[in-house]
């Protein structure tokens, strides 16, 4: 990824006042992994993601490629877009032990190879897709994208300050009081 990705990620408003969503093009590669199971011989997972700032790449795939004597199927031209509403998800991803790119993919009945549906860097968006029962894989985020996402998040998201939570103190006057009317009804 070139250095202008960082500059692109910071731009949010044009002189016309139109908001620009920073975005990148991604190539997503899937592979079959053999598994030891009575029910299936293999399972699919996301092998790699390559990120580029060339948004002119048209969506295409799957293209079969061989890497280290392993067949992979690559889909080109997938988009990673940043949205202001996902600021917390970007912040959580960046503050995790290993920032990731998340890929939600599907394998329909007629498909021979899984196809990526959503590529995101939002921890919250990935969580919502997992909650919906979708297949979501994660791949470590390249340093250049992490730098661009850090810059974007710093410019567009501010975590809410933590509020002190007052705990119930059982020894404070009036904290433990039984209603006299409820005691009379028992018996």
Protein backbone atom coordinates (compact mmCIF):
# COMPACT_ATOMS: atom_id res chain seq x y z
CA UNK A 1 0.00 0.00 0.00
CA UNK A 2 1.37 3.40 -0.85
CA UNK A 3 1.82 6.38 1.45
CA UNK A 4 -1.14 8.26 -0.01
CA UNK A 5 -3.49 5.81 1.75
CA UNK A 6 -2.82 7.60 5.02
CA UNK A 7 -3.65 10.96 3.45
CA UNK A 8 -6.81 9.53 1.89
CA UNK A 9 -7.96 8.11 5.21
CA UNK A 10 -7.83 11.49 6.93
CA UNK A 11 -9.89 13.37 4.35
CA UNK A 12 -13.47 13.47 5.53
CA UNK A 13 -14.90 16.66 3.99
CA UNK A 14 -14.28 18.12 0.56
CA UNK A 15 -14.29 21.89 0.02
CA UNK A 16 -17.87 21.48 -1.23
CA UNK A 17 -18.86 20.12 2.20
CA UNK A 18 -19.47 16.63 0.82
CA UNK A 19 -18.28 13.88 3.13
CA UNK A 20 -15.85 11.40 1.62
CA UNK A 21 -15.80 7.83 2.90
CA UNK A 22 -12.23 6.58 2.90
CA UNK A 23 -12.07 3.25 1.16
CA UNK A 24 -9.64 0.70 -0.17
CA UNK A 25 -9.74 -2.17 -2.61
CA UNK A 26 -9.10 -5.64 -1.22
CA UNK A 27 -8.30 -9.02 -2.70
CA UNK A 28 -9.62 -11.88 -0.58
CA UNK A 29 -8.23 -15.40 -0.99
CA UNK A 30 -9.93 -18.54 0.34
CA UNK A 31 -8.49 -22.02 0.80
CA UNK A 32 -9.77 -25.49 1.59
CA UNK A 33 -8.33 -26.97 4.76
CA UNK A 34 -8.52 -30.72 5.32
CA UNK A 35 -10.16 -31.66 8.61
CA UNK A 36 -10.48 -34.88 10.53
CA UNK A 37 -14.18 -35.42 10.88
CA UNK A 38 -16.78 -38.08 10.23
CA UNK A 39 -19.01 -35.61 8.44
CA UNK A 40 -16.77 -33.44 6.24
CA UNK A 41 -13.42 -33.79 4.50
CA UNK A 42 -12.52 -30.11 4.44
CA UNK A 43 -13.57 -26.65 5.53
CA UNK A 44 -13.11 -23.23 3.96
CA UNK A 45 -11.29 -20.33 5.55
CA UNK A 46 -9.89 -16.98 4.54
CA UNK A 47 -6.23 -17.45 3.63
CA UNK A 48 -5.19 -13.84 3.04
CA UNK A 49 -6.29 -10.31 2.27
CA UNK A 50 -4.26 -7.88 0.19
CA UNK A 51 -5.21 -4.21 0.52
CA UNK A 52 -4.61 -1.58 -2.14
CA UNK A 53 -5.56 2.07 -2.58
CA UNK A 54 -6.35 1.43 -6.28
CA UNK A 55 -10.14 1.76 -6.30
CA UNK A 56 -10.29 1.14 -10.06
CA UNK A 57 -9.97 -2.62 -9.59
CA UNK A 58 -13.24 -4.13 -10.78
CA UNK A 59 -14.81 -6.90 -8.72
CA UNK A 60 -13.74 -10.23 -10.18
CA UNK A 61 -13.26 -13.81 -9.17
CA UNK A 62 -12.77 -16.44 -8.24
CA UNK A 63 -9.33 -16.80 -9.75
CA UNK A 64 -7.53 -20.01 -8.80
CA UNK A 65 -3.92 -19.45 -7.74
CA UNK A 66 -1.25 -21.72 -6.26
CA UNK A 67 0.70 -20.50 -3.23
CA UNK A 68 3.19 -22.82 -1.48
CA UNK A 69 1.71 -25.89 -3.19
CA UNK A 70 -1.74 -24.90 -1.97
CA UNK A 71 -4.68 -23.95 -4.19
CA UNK A 72 -6.39 -20.70 -3.25
CA UNK A 73 -9.26 -18.87 -4.86
CA UNK A 74 -8.96 -15.08 -4.98
CA UNK A 75 -11.69 -12.50 -5.34
CA UNK A 76 -10.45 -9.05 -6.44
CA UNK A 77 -12.05 -5.63 -6.14
CA UNK A 78 -13.76 -6.06 -2.77
CA UNK A 79 -14.21 -2.77 -0.86
CA UNK A 80 -13.25 -1.75 2.65
CA UNK A 81 -15.14 1.44 3.51
CA UNK A 82 -15.00 3.47 6.71
CA UNK A 83 -18.19 4.94 8.17
CA UNK A 84 -18.50 7.54 10.94
CA UNK A 85 -21.10 5.40 12.73
CA UNK A 86 -18.58 2.56 13.17
CA UNK A 87 -15.99 4.64 15.08
CA UNK A 88 -16.29 2.59 18.25
CA UNK A 89 -15.80 -0.64 16.28
CA UNK A 90 -12.61 0.73 14.69
CA UNK A 91 -11.35 1.89 18.07
CA UNK A 92 -12.05 -1.53 19.65
CA UNK A 93 -10.29 -3.31 16.78
CA UNK A 94 -7.23 -1.05 17.02
CA UNK A 95 -7.04 -1.56 20.79
CA UNK A 96 -7.29 -5.35 20.59
CA UNK A 97 -4.14 -7.47 20.95
CA UNK A 98 -4.14 -8.19 17.18
CA UNK A 99 -6.01 -5.71 14.90
CA UNK A 100 -7.75 -7.60 12.09
CA UNK A 101 -9.61 -7.31 8.85
CA UNK A 102 -12.89 -9.23 9.03
CA UNK A 103 -14.45 -11.05 6.07
CA UNK A 104 -18.05 -12.20 6.07
CA UNK A 105 -18.46 -14.86 3.38
CA UNK A 106 -21.09 -17.17 2.00
CA UNK A 107 -21.09 -20.45 0.15
CA UNK A 108 -24.38 -20.88 -1.70
CA UNK A 109 -25.61 -24.21 -3.09
CA UNK A 110 -24.48 -23.50 -6.66
CA UNK A 111 -21.11 -22.02 -5.64
CA UNK A 112 -17.94 -24.09 -5.87
CA UNK A 113 -15.98 -21.51 -3.89
CA UNK A 114 -17.04 -19.15 -1.06
CA UNK A 115 -17.54 -15.52 -2.01
CA UNK A 116 -16.83 -12.53 0.20
CA UNK A 117 -19.89 -10.45 1.02
CA UNK A 118 -18.52 -7.84 3.46
CA UNK A 119 -14.92 -6.84 4.20
CA UNK A 120 -14.66 -4.58 7.25
CA UNK A 121 -12.29 -3.36 9.93
CA UNK A 122 -15.07 -2.70 12.47
CA UNK A 123 -15.07 -5.00 15.48
CA UNK A 124 -18.74 -4.18 16.14
CA UNK A 125 -19.86 -4.86 12.58
CA UNK A 126 -18.09 -8.23 12.62
CA UNK A 127 -19.77 -9.03 15.93
CA UNK A 128 -23.21 -8.23 14.51
CA UNK A 129 -22.56 -10.53 11.55
CA UNK A 130 -21.42 -13.34 13.87
CA UNK A 131 -24.55 -12.83 16.00
CA UNK A 132 -26.62 -13.23 12.83
CA UNK A 133 -24.99 -16.62 12.22
CA UNK A 134 -22.82 -15.61 9.26
CA UNK A 135 -19.35 -17.02 8.55
CA UNK A 136 -16.79 -14.40 9.59
CA UNK A 137 -13.03 -14.93 9.40
CA UNK A 138 -10.33 -12.54 10.49
CA UNK A 139 -6.92 -11.91 9.01
CA UNK A 140 -4.19 -9.78 10.64
CA UNK A 141 -4.34 -6.16 9.51
CA UNK A 142 -1.34 -4.88 7.50
CA UNK A 143 0.63 -2.14 9.25
CA UNK A 144 -0.09 0.43 6.53
CA UNK A 145 -3.87 -0.03 6.92
CA UNK A 146 -3.53 0.03 10.71
CA UNK A 147 -1.76 3.41 10.50
CA UNK A 148 -4.45 4.80 8.18
CA UNK A 149 -7.25 3.46 10.41
CA UNK A 150 -5.58 4.88 13.52
CA UNK A 151 -5.38 8.31 11.87
CA UNK A 152 -9.01 8.15 10.72
CA UNK A 153 -10.25 6.97 14.12
CA UNK A 154 -8.30 9.65 15.99
CA UNK A 155 -9.81 12.34 13.74
CA UNK A 156 -13.38 11.03 13.80
CA UNK A 157 -14.05 9.17 17.04
CA UNK A 158 -13.76 10.09 20.67
CA UNK A 159 -14.55 7.38 23.23
CA UNK A 160 -17.17 8.32 25.77
CA UNK A 161 -15.63 9.07 29.15
CA UNK A 162 -16.16 6.38 31.73
CA UNK A 163 -18.70 7.27 34.36
CA UNK A 164 -18.32 6.26 37.96
CA UNK A 165 -20.94 3.77 38.90
CA UNK A 166 -22.30 4.12 42.40
CA UNK A 167 -22.75 0.71 43.88
CA UNK A 168 -25.49 -0.04 46.33
CA UNK A 169 -24.13 0.27 49.82
CA UNK A 170 -26.17 -2.01 52.10
CA UNK A 171 -25.09 -0.06 55.17
CA UNK A 172 -26.28 3.37 54.02
CA UNK A 173 -29.32 4.64 55.91
CA UNK A 174 -32.49 3.39 54.23
CA UNK A 175 -30.73 1.10 51.75
CA UNK A 176 -32.25 -2.05 53.16
CA UNK A 177 -35.84 -1.47 53.98
CA UNK A 178 -38.72 -3.93 53.85
CA UNK A 179 -42.11 -2.69 52.92
CA UNK A 180 -44.36 -3.21 55.95
CA UNK A 181 -47.35 -3.89 53.67
CA UNK A 182 -45.64 -6.78 51.89
CA UNK A 183 -44.73 -8.44 55.21
CA UNK A 184 -48.35 -8.34 56.41
CA UNK A 185 -49.52 -10.22 53.30
CA UNK A 186 -47.15 -13.13 53.93
CA UNK A 187 -47.94 -15.73 56.34
